[in-house]
């Protein structure tokens, strides 16, 4: 019976820093992962803020046309940004 660590790695596993021996990631790999994750989260936050600002700039009639109330704007912006 083969252990999971003995299973061959795919090219995408290799590209993302997985090692053949199944050892723990290096500090550099951890740092790179944190940086990438932080960058994605920051981009999503910026998208949320931009969307929220655009929705808040709409007048009540335009919001009604979209079937939205002012109380729903934060939720809609979060959903649009994928948060």
PDB file of N, CA and C in Angstrom:
ATOM      1  N   UNK A   1       0.848  -1.183   0.000  1.00  0.00           N
ATOM      2  CA  UNK A   1       0.000   0.000   0.000  1.00  0.00           C
ATOM      3  C   UNK A   1       0.893   1.246   0.000  1.00  0.00           C
ATOM      4  N   UNK A   2       0.656   2.162  -0.933  1.00  0.00           N
ATOM      5  CA  UNK A   2       1.459   3.372  -1.038  1.00  0.00           C
ATOM      6  C   UNK A   2       0.843   4.476  -0.188  1.00  0.00           C
ATOM      7  N   UNK A   3       1.699   5.217   0.451  1.00  0.00           N
ATOM      8  CA  UNK A   3       1.251   6.388   1.199  1.00  0.00           C
ATOM      9  C   UNK A   3       1.031   7.544   0.247  1.00  0.00           C
ATOM     10  N   UNK A   4       0.271   8.510   0.692  1.00  0.00           N
ATOM     11  CA  UNK A   4      -0.001   9.681  -0.151  1.00  0.00           C
ATOM     12  C   UNK A   4       1.292  10.386  -0.522  1.00  0.00           C
ATOM     13  N   UNK A   5       2.236  10.478   0.422  1.00  0.00           N
ATOM     14  CA  UNK A   5       3.507  11.146   0.156  1.00  0.00           C
ATOM     15  C   UNK A   5       4.306  10.406  -0.911  1.00  0.00           C
ATOM     16  N   UNK A   6       4.034   9.106  -1.124  1.00  0.00           N
ATOM     17  CA  UNK A   6       4.746   8.330  -2.127  1.00  0.00           C
ATOM     18  C   UNK A   6       4.140   8.482  -3.507  1.00  0.00           C
ATOM     19  N   UNK A   7       2.968   9.098  -3.606  1.00  0.00           N
ATOM     20  CA  UNK A   7       2.290   9.242  -4.888  1.00  0.00           C
ATOM     21  C   UNK A   7       3.066  10.219  -5.760  1.00  0.00           C
ATOM     22  N   UNK A   8       3.101   9.977  -7.074  1.00  0.00           N
ATOM     23  CA  UNK A   8       3.805  10.906  -7.962  1.00  0.00           C
ATOM     24  C   UNK A   8       3.113  12.256  -7.978  1.00  0.00           C
ATOM     25  N   UNK A   9       3.907  13.301  -8.130  1.00  0.00           N
ATOM     26  CA  UNK A   9       3.372  14.660  -8.150  1.00  0.00           C
ATOM     27  C   UNK A   9       3.093  15.076  -9.588  1.00  0.00           C
ATOM     28  N   UNK A  10       2.039  15.859  -9.762  1.00  0.00           N
ATOM     29  CA  UNK A  10       1.726  16.380 -11.083  1.00  0.00           C
ATOM     30  C   UNK A  10       2.618  17.584 -11.366  1.00  0.00           C
ATOM     31  N   UNK A  11       2.600  18.043 -12.604  1.00  0.00           N
ATOM     32  CA  UNK A  11       3.395  19.227 -12.960  1.00  0.00           C
ATOM     33  C   UNK A  11       2.942  20.453 -12.170  1.00  0.00           C
ATOM     34  N   UNK A  12       1.623  20.582 -11.935  1.00  0.00           N
ATOM     35  CA  UNK A  12       1.145  21.749 -11.196  1.00  0.00           C
ATOM     36  C   UNK A  12       1.603  21.687  -9.743  1.00  0.00           C
ATOM     37  N   UNK A  13       1.681  20.477  -9.155  1.00  0.00           N
ATOM     38  CA  UNK A  13       2.209  20.351  -7.800  1.00  0.00           C
ATOM     39  C   UNK A  13       3.660  20.805  -7.756  1.00  0.00           C
ATOM     40  N   UNK A  14       4.425  20.387  -8.741  1.00  0.00           N
ATOM     41  CA  UNK A  14       5.838  20.757  -8.801  1.00  0.00           C
ATOM     42  C   UNK A  14       5.988  22.268  -8.975  1.00  0.00           C
ATOM     43  N   UNK A  15       5.125  22.865  -9.819  1.00  0.00           N
ATOM     44  CA  UNK A  15       5.211  24.293 -10.088  1.00  0.00           C
ATOM     45  C   UNK A  15       4.864  25.113  -8.857  1.00  0.00           C
ATOM     46  N   UNK A  16       4.052  24.565  -7.967  1.00  0.00           N
ATOM     47  CA  UNK A  16       3.651  25.292  -6.775  1.00  0.00           C
ATOM     48  C   UNK A  16       4.527  24.958  -5.576  1.00  0.00           C
ATOM     49  N   UNK A  17       5.678  24.373  -5.803  1.00  0.00           N
ATOM     50  CA  UNK A  17       6.643  24.199  -4.731  1.00  0.00           C
ATOM     51  C   UNK A  17       6.532  22.905  -3.956  1.00  0.00           C
ATOM     52  N   UNK A  18       5.712  21.966  -4.389  1.00  0.00           N
ATOM     53  CA  UNK A  18       5.634  20.689  -3.689  1.00  0.00           C
ATOM     54  C   UNK A  18       6.919  19.926  -3.964  1.00  0.00           C
ATOM     55  N   UNK A  19       7.411  19.235  -2.986  1.00  0.00           N
ATOM     56  CA  UNK A  19       8.651  18.507  -3.170  1.00  0.00           C
ATOM     57  C   UNK A  19       8.365  17.027  -3.312  1.00  0.00           C
ATOM     58  N   UNK A  20       9.269  16.332  -3.951  1.00  0.00           N
ATOM     59  CA  UNK A  20       9.105  14.907  -4.195  1.00  0.00           C
ATOM     60  C   UNK A  20       9.183  14.136  -2.892  1.00  0.00           C
ATOM     61  N   UNK A  21      10.020  14.578  -1.976  1.00  0.00           N
ATOM     62  CA  UNK A  21      10.203  13.840  -0.727  1.00  0.00           C
ATOM     63  C   UNK A  21       9.059  14.064   0.250  1.00  0.00           C
ATOM     64  N   UNK A  22       8.167  14.984  -0.015  1.00  0.00           N
ATOM     65  CA  UNK A  22       7.047  15.239   0.884  1.00  0.00           C
ATOM     66  C   UNK A  22       7.435  16.058   2.104  1.00  0.00           C
ATOM     67  N   UNK A  23       8.587  16.718   2.048  1.00  0.00           N
ATOM     68  CA  UNK A  23       9.027  17.499   3.196  1.00  0.00           C
ATOM     69  C   UNK A  23       8.211  18.779   3.322  1.00  0.00           C
ATOM     70  N   UNK A  24       8.384  19.456   4.427  1.00  0.00           N
ATOM     71  CA  UNK A  24       7.644  20.689   4.676  1.00  0.00           C
ATOM     72  C   UNK A  24       8.163  21.793   3.772  1.00  0.00           C
ATOM     73  N   UNK A  25       7.334  22.773   3.457  1.00  0.00           N
ATOM     74  CA  UNK A  25       7.759  23.872   2.583  1.00  0.00           C
ATOM     75  C   UNK A  25       8.825  24.731   3.268  1.00  0.00           C
ATOM     76  N   UNK A  26       9.632  25.381   2.456  1.00  0.00           N
ATOM     77  CA  UNK A  26      10.668  26.263   2.980  1.00  0.00           C
ATOM     78  C   UNK A  26      10.049  27.596   3.380  1.00  0.00           C
ATOM     79  N   UNK A  27      10.821  28.399   4.109  1.00  0.00           N
ATOM     80  CA  UNK A  27      10.333  29.725   4.496  1.00  0.00           C
ATOM     81  C   UNK A  27      10.068  30.575   3.265  1.00  0.00           C
ATOM     82  N   UNK A  28      10.885  30.410   2.232  1.00  0.00           N
ATOM     83  CA  UNK A  28      10.672  31.156   0.995  1.00  0.00           C
ATOM     84  C   UNK A  28       9.360  30.794   0.336  1.00  0.00           C
ATOM     85  N   UNK A  29       9.031  29.503   0.320  1.00  0.00           N
ATOM     86  CA  UNK A  29       7.765  29.070  -0.273  1.00  0.00           C
ATOM     87  C   UNK A  29       6.586  29.574   0.549  1.00  0.00           C
ATOM     88  N   UNK A  30       6.722  29.536   1.861  1.00  0.00           N
ATOM     89  CA  UNK A  30       5.660  30.052   2.735  1.00  0.00           C
ATOM     90  C   UNK A  30       5.476  31.546   2.505  1.00  0.00           C
ATOM     91  N   UNK A  31       6.596  32.273   2.460  1.00  0.00           N
ATOM     92  CA  UNK A  31       6.539  33.724   2.236  1.00  0.00           C
ATOM     93  C   UNK A  31       5.916  34.065   0.896  1.00  0.00           C
ATOM     94  N   UNK A  32       6.289  33.308  -0.141  1.00  0.00           N
ATOM     95  CA  UNK A  32       5.724  33.556  -1.469  1.00  0.00           C
ATOM     96  C   UNK A  32       4.224  33.290  -1.466  1.00  0.00           C
ATOM     97  N   UNK A  33       3.808  32.229  -0.766  1.00  0.00           N
ATOM     98  CA  UNK A  33       2.380  31.927  -0.673  1.00  0.00           C
ATOM     99  C   UNK A  33       1.609  33.002   0.062  1.00  0.00           C
ATOM    100  N   UNK A  34       2.201  33.495   1.147  1.00  0.00           N
ATOM    101  CA  UNK A  34       1.542  34.561   1.905  1.00  0.00           C
ATOM    102  C   UNK A  34       1.439  35.835   1.081  1.00  0.00           C
ATOM    103  N   UNK A  35       2.496  36.154   0.350  1.00  0.00           N
ATOM    104  CA  UNK A  35       2.484  37.341  -0.488  1.00  0.00           C
ATOM    105  C   UNK A  35       1.423  37.226  -1.574  1.00  0.00           C
ATOM    106  N   UNK A  36       1.345  36.071  -2.222  1.00  0.00           N
ATOM    107  CA  UNK A  36       0.350  35.868  -3.272  1.00  0.00           C
ATOM    108  C   UNK A  36      -1.055  35.951  -2.698  1.00  0.00           C
ATOM    109  N   UNK A  37      -1.262  35.329  -1.548  1.00  0.00           N
ATOM    110  CA  UNK A  37      -2.571  35.363  -0.905  1.00  0.00           C
ATOM    111  C   UNK A  37      -2.937  36.792  -0.502  1.00  0.00           C
ATOM    112  N   UNK A  38      -1.973  37.505   0.059  1.00  0.00           N
ATOM    113  CA  UNK A  38      -2.212  38.894   0.451  1.00  0.00           C
ATOM    114  C   UNK A  38      -2.535  39.769  -0.745  1.00  0.00           C
ATOM    115  N   UNK A  39      -1.854  39.520  -1.860  1.00  0.00           N
ATOM    116  CA  UNK A  39      -2.115  40.289  -3.077  1.00  0.00           C
ATOM    117  C   UNK A  39      -3.515  40.047  -3.606  1.00  0.00           C
ATOM    118  N   UNK A  40      -3.945  38.784  -3.575  1.00  0.00           N
ATOM    119  CA  UNK A  40      -5.313  38.472  -4.031  1.00  0.00           C
ATOM    120  C   UNK A  40      -6.350  39.111  -3.112  1.00  0.00           C
ATOM    121  N   UNK A  41      -6.104  39.038  -1.813  1.00  0.00           N
ATOM    122  CA  UNK A  41      -7.056  39.632  -0.864  1.00  0.00           C
ATOM    123  C   UNK A  41      -7.127  41.144  -1.022  1.00  0.00           C
ATOM    124  N   UNK A  42      -5.972  41.778  -1.245  1.00  0.00           N
ATOM    125  CA  UNK A  42      -5.946  43.229  -1.435  1.00  0.00           C
ATOM    126  C   UNK A  42      -6.682  43.617  -2.708  1.00  0.00           C
ATOM    127  N   UNK A  43      -6.489  42.856  -3.778  1.00  0.00           N
ATOM    128  CA  UNK A  43      -7.188  43.137  -5.034  1.00  0.00           C
ATOM    129  C   UNK A  43      -8.700  42.985  -4.856  1.00  0.00           C
ATOM    130  N   UNK A  44      -9.115  41.963  -4.108  1.00  0.00           N
ATOM    131  CA  UNK A  44     -10.549  41.761  -3.852  1.00  0.00           C
ATOM    132  C   UNK A  44     -11.106  42.906  -3.012  1.00  0.00           C
ATOM    133  N   UNK A  45     -10.337  43.365  -2.035  1.00  0.00           N
ATOM    134  CA  UNK A  45     -10.784  44.484  -1.187  1.00  0.00           C
ATOM    135  C   UNK A  45     -10.934  45.749  -2.029  1.00  0.00           C
ATOM    136  N   UNK A  46      -9.951  45.988  -2.927  1.00  0.00           N
ATOM    137  CA  UNK A  46     -10.049  47.163  -3.801  1.00  0.00           C
ATOM    138  C   UNK A  46     -11.277  47.076  -4.694  1.00  0.00           C
ATOM    139  N   UNK A  47     -11.558  45.892  -5.221  1.00  0.00           N
ATOM    140  CA  UNK A  47     -12.754  45.702  -6.056  1.00  0.00           C
ATOM    141  C   UNK A  47     -14.022  45.960  -5.245  1.00  0.00           C
ATOM    142  N   UNK A  48     -14.044  45.487  -4.004  1.00  0.00           N
ATOM    143  CA  UNK A  48     -15.187  45.728  -3.112  1.00  0.00           C
ATOM    144  C   UNK A  48     -15.389  47.222  -2.906  1.00  0.00           C
ATOM    145  N   UNK A  49     -14.306  47.940  -2.580  1.00  0.00           N
ATOM    146  CA  UNK A  49     -14.417  49.383  -2.316  1.00  0.00           C
ATOM    147  C   UNK A  49     -14.880  50.137  -3.561  1.00  0.00           C
ATOM    148  N   UNK A  50     -14.347  49.776  -4.719  1.00  0.00           N
ATOM    149  CA  UNK A  50     -14.725  50.442  -5.970  1.00  0.00           C
ATOM    150  C   UNK A  50     -16.207  50.186  -6.281  1.00  0.00           C
ATOM    151  N   UNK A  51     -16.634  48.936  -6.133  1.00  0.00           N
ATOM    152  CA  UNK A  51     -18.030  48.588  -6.406  1.00  0.00           C
ATOM    153  C   UNK A  51     -18.962  49.289  -5.438  1.00  0.00           C
ATOM    154  N   UNK A  52     -18.599  49.289  -4.156  1.00  0.00           N
ATOM    155  CA  UNK A  52     -19.431  49.948  -3.151  1.00  0.00           C
ATOM    156  C   UNK A  52     -19.553  51.440  -3.445  1.00  0.00           C
ATOM    157  N   UNK A  53     -18.458  52.084  -3.805  1.00  0.00           N
ATOM    158  CA  UNK A  53     -18.493  53.520  -4.114  1.00  0.00           C
ATOM    159  C   UNK A  53     -19.404  53.795  -5.310  1.00  0.00           C
ATOM    160  N   UNK A  54     -19.323  52.953  -6.324  1.00  0.00           N
ATOM    161  CA  UNK A  54     -20.177  53.143  -7.501  1.00  0.00           C
ATOM    162  C   UNK A  54     -21.647  52.952  -7.160  1.00  0.00           C
ATOM    163  N   UNK A  55     -21.948  51.946  -6.347  1.00  0.00           N
ATOM    164  CA  UNK A  55     -23.347  51.717  -5.955  1.00  0.00           C
ATOM    165  C   UNK A  55     -23.868  52.849  -5.079  1.00  0.00           C
ATOM    166  N   UNK A  56     -23.033  53.333  -4.162  1.00  0.00           N
ATOM    167  CA  UNK A  56     -23.463  54.419  -3.280  1.00  0.00           C
ATOM    168  C   UNK A  56     -23.672  55.718  -4.044  1.00  0.00           C
ATOM    169  N   UNK A  57     -23.016  55.859  -5.183  1.00  0.00           N
ATOM    170  CA  UNK A  57     -23.164  57.077  -5.985  1.00  0.00           C
ATOM    171  C   UNK A  57     -24.487  57.099  -6.758  1.00  0.00           C
ATOM    172  N   UNK A  58     -25.145  55.960  -6.885  1.00  0.00           N
ATOM    173  CA  UNK A  58     -26.419  55.909  -7.599  1.00  0.00           C
ATOM    174  C   UNK A  58     -27.514  56.574  -6.781  1.00  0.00           C
ATOM    175  N   UNK A  59     -28.450  57.200  -7.466  1.00  0.00           N
ATOM    176  CA  UNK A  59     -29.581  57.789  -6.750  1.00  0.00           C
ATOM    177  C   UNK A  59     -30.605  56.698  -6.419  1.00  0.00           C
ATOM    178  N   UNK A  60     -31.571  57.053  -5.593  1.00  0.00           N
ATOM    179  CA  UNK A  60     -32.553  56.078  -5.122  1.00  0.00           C
ATOM    180  C   UNK A  60     -33.357  55.463  -6.272  1.00  0.00           C
ATOM    181  N   UNK A  61     -33.636  56.259  -7.299  1.00  0.00           N
ATOM    182  CA  UNK A  61     -34.408  55.733  -8.422  1.00  0.00           C
ATOM    183  C   UNK A  61     -33.613  54.656  -9.165  1.00  0.00           C
ATOM    184  N   UNK A  62     -32.339  54.905  -9.389  1.00  0.00           N
ATOM    185  CA  UNK A  62     -31.500  53.915 -10.080  1.00  0.00           C
ATOM    186  C   UNK A  62     -31.391  52.640  -9.247  1.00  0.00           C
ATOM    187  N   UNK A  63     -31.257  52.799  -7.931  1.00  0.00           N
ATOM    188  CA  UNK A  63     -31.203  51.615  -7.061  1.00  0.00           C
ATOM    189  C   UNK A  63     -32.521  50.841  -7.118  1.00  0.00           C
ATOM    190  N   UNK A  64     -33.628  51.563  -7.144  1.00  0.00           N
ATOM    191  CA  UNK A  64     -34.937  50.911  -7.249  1.00  0.00           C
ATOM    192  C   UNK A  64     -35.048  50.140  -8.561  1.00  0.00           C
ATOM    193  N   UNK A  65     -34.529  50.725  -9.639  1.00  0.00           N
ATOM    194  CA  UNK A  65     -34.540  50.046 -10.940  1.00  0.00           C
ATOM    195  C   UNK A  65     -33.749  48.742 -10.889  1.00  0.00           C
ATOM    196  N   UNK A  66     -32.723  48.705 -10.049  1.00  0.00           N
ATOM    197  CA  UNK A  66     -31.910  47.499  -9.883  1.00  0.00           C
ATOM    198  C   UNK A  66     -32.465  46.576  -8.803  1.00  0.00           C
ATOM    199  N   UNK A  67     -33.590  46.962  -8.221  1.00  0.00           N
ATOM    200  CA  UNK A  67     -34.217  46.216  -7.121  1.00  0.00           C
ATOM    201  C   UNK A  67     -33.294  46.105  -5.914  1.00  0.00           C
ATOM    202  N   UNK A  68     -32.595  47.193  -5.604  1.00  0.00           N
ATOM    203  CA  UNK A  68     -31.689  47.229  -4.454  1.00  0.00           C
ATOM    204  C   UNK A  68     -32.106  48.328  -3.491  1.00  0.00           C
ATOM    205  N   UNK A  69     -31.866  48.064  -2.224  1.00  0.00           N
ATOM    206  CA  UNK A  69     -32.031  49.114  -1.218  1.00  0.00           C
ATOM    207  C   UNK A  69     -30.636  49.509  -0.748  1.00  0.00           C
ATOM    208  N   UNK A  70     -30.526  50.658  -0.148  1.00  0.00           N
ATOM    209  CA  UNK A  70     -29.217  51.118   0.341  1.00  0.00           C
ATOM    210  C   UNK A  70     -28.630  50.153   1.367  1.00  0.00           C
ATOM    211  N   UNK A  71     -29.470  49.471   2.103  1.00  0.00           N
ATOM    212  CA  UNK A  71     -28.996  48.520   3.109  1.00  0.00           C
ATOM    213  C   UNK A  71     -28.354  47.273   2.520  1.00  0.00           C
ATOM    214  N   UNK A  72     -28.603  47.014   1.252  1.00  0.00           N
ATOM    215  CA  UNK A  72     -28.045  45.829   0.594  1.00  0.00           C
ATOM    216  C   UNK A  72     -26.724  46.091  -0.123  1.00  0.00           C
ATOM    217  N   UNK A  73     -26.310  47.334  -0.205  1.00  0.00           N
ATOM    218  CA  UNK A  73     -25.170  47.685  -1.048  1.00  0.00           C
ATOM    219  C   UNK A  73     -23.877  46.998  -0.619  1.00  0.00           C
ATOM    220  N   UNK A  74     -23.606  46.949   0.678  1.00  0.00           N
ATOM    221  CA  UNK A  74     -22.368  46.293   1.144  1.00  0.00           C
ATOM    222  C   UNK A  74     -22.366  44.808   0.768  1.00  0.00           C
ATOM    223  N   UNK A  75     -23.503  44.156   0.951  1.00  0.00           N
ATOM    224  CA  UNK A  75     -23.588  42.740   0.611  1.00  0.00           C
ATOM    225  C   UNK A  75     -23.370  42.526  -0.883  1.00  0.00           C
ATOM    226  N   UNK A  76     -23.996  43.333  -1.700  1.00  0.00           N
ATOM    227  CA  UNK A  76     -23.859  43.200  -3.153  1.00  0.00           C
ATOM    228  C   UNK A  76     -22.409  43.450  -3.569  1.00  0.00           C
ATOM    229  N   UNK A  77     -21.761  44.445  -2.974  1.00  0.00           N
ATOM    230  CA  UNK A  77     -20.363  44.733  -3.301  1.00  0.00           C
ATOM    231  C   UNK A  77     -19.458  43.588  -2.877  1.00  0.00           C
ATOM    232  N   UNK A  78     -19.721  42.998  -1.699  1.00  0.00           N
ATOM    233  CA  UNK A  78     -18.924  41.841  -1.248  1.00  0.00           C
ATOM    234  C   UNK A  78     -19.069  40.681  -2.216  1.00  0.00           C
ATOM    235  N   UNK A  79     -20.292  40.403  -2.630  1.00  0.00           N
ATOM    236  CA  UNK A  79     -20.535  39.308  -3.557  1.00  0.00           C
ATOM    237  C   UNK A  79     -19.842  39.565  -4.905  1.00  0.00           C
ATOM    238  N   UNK A  80     -19.884  40.790  -5.377  1.00  0.00           N
ATOM    239  CA  UNK A  80     -19.259  41.133  -6.655  1.00  0.00           C
ATOM    240  C   UNK A  80     -17.737  40.973  -6.594  1.00  0.00           C
ATOM    241  N   UNK A  81     -17.154  41.232  -5.417  1.00  0.00           N
ATOM    242  CA  UNK A  81     -15.702  41.130  -5.262  1.00  0.00           C
ATOM    243  C   UNK A  81     -15.270  39.721  -4.890  1.00  0.00           C
ATOM    244  N   UNK A  82     -16.224  38.853  -4.638  1.00  0.00           N
ATOM    245  CA  UNK A  82     -15.880  37.488  -4.268  1.00  0.00           C
ATOM    246  C   UNK A  82     -15.422  37.336  -2.829  1.00  0.00           C
ATOM    247  N   UNK A  83     -15.897  38.217  -1.971  1.00  0.00           N
ATOM    248  CA  UNK A  83     -15.509  38.141  -0.547  1.00  0.00           C
ATOM    249  C   UNK A  83     -16.559  37.445   0.273  1.00  0.00           C
TER     250      UNK A  83
END
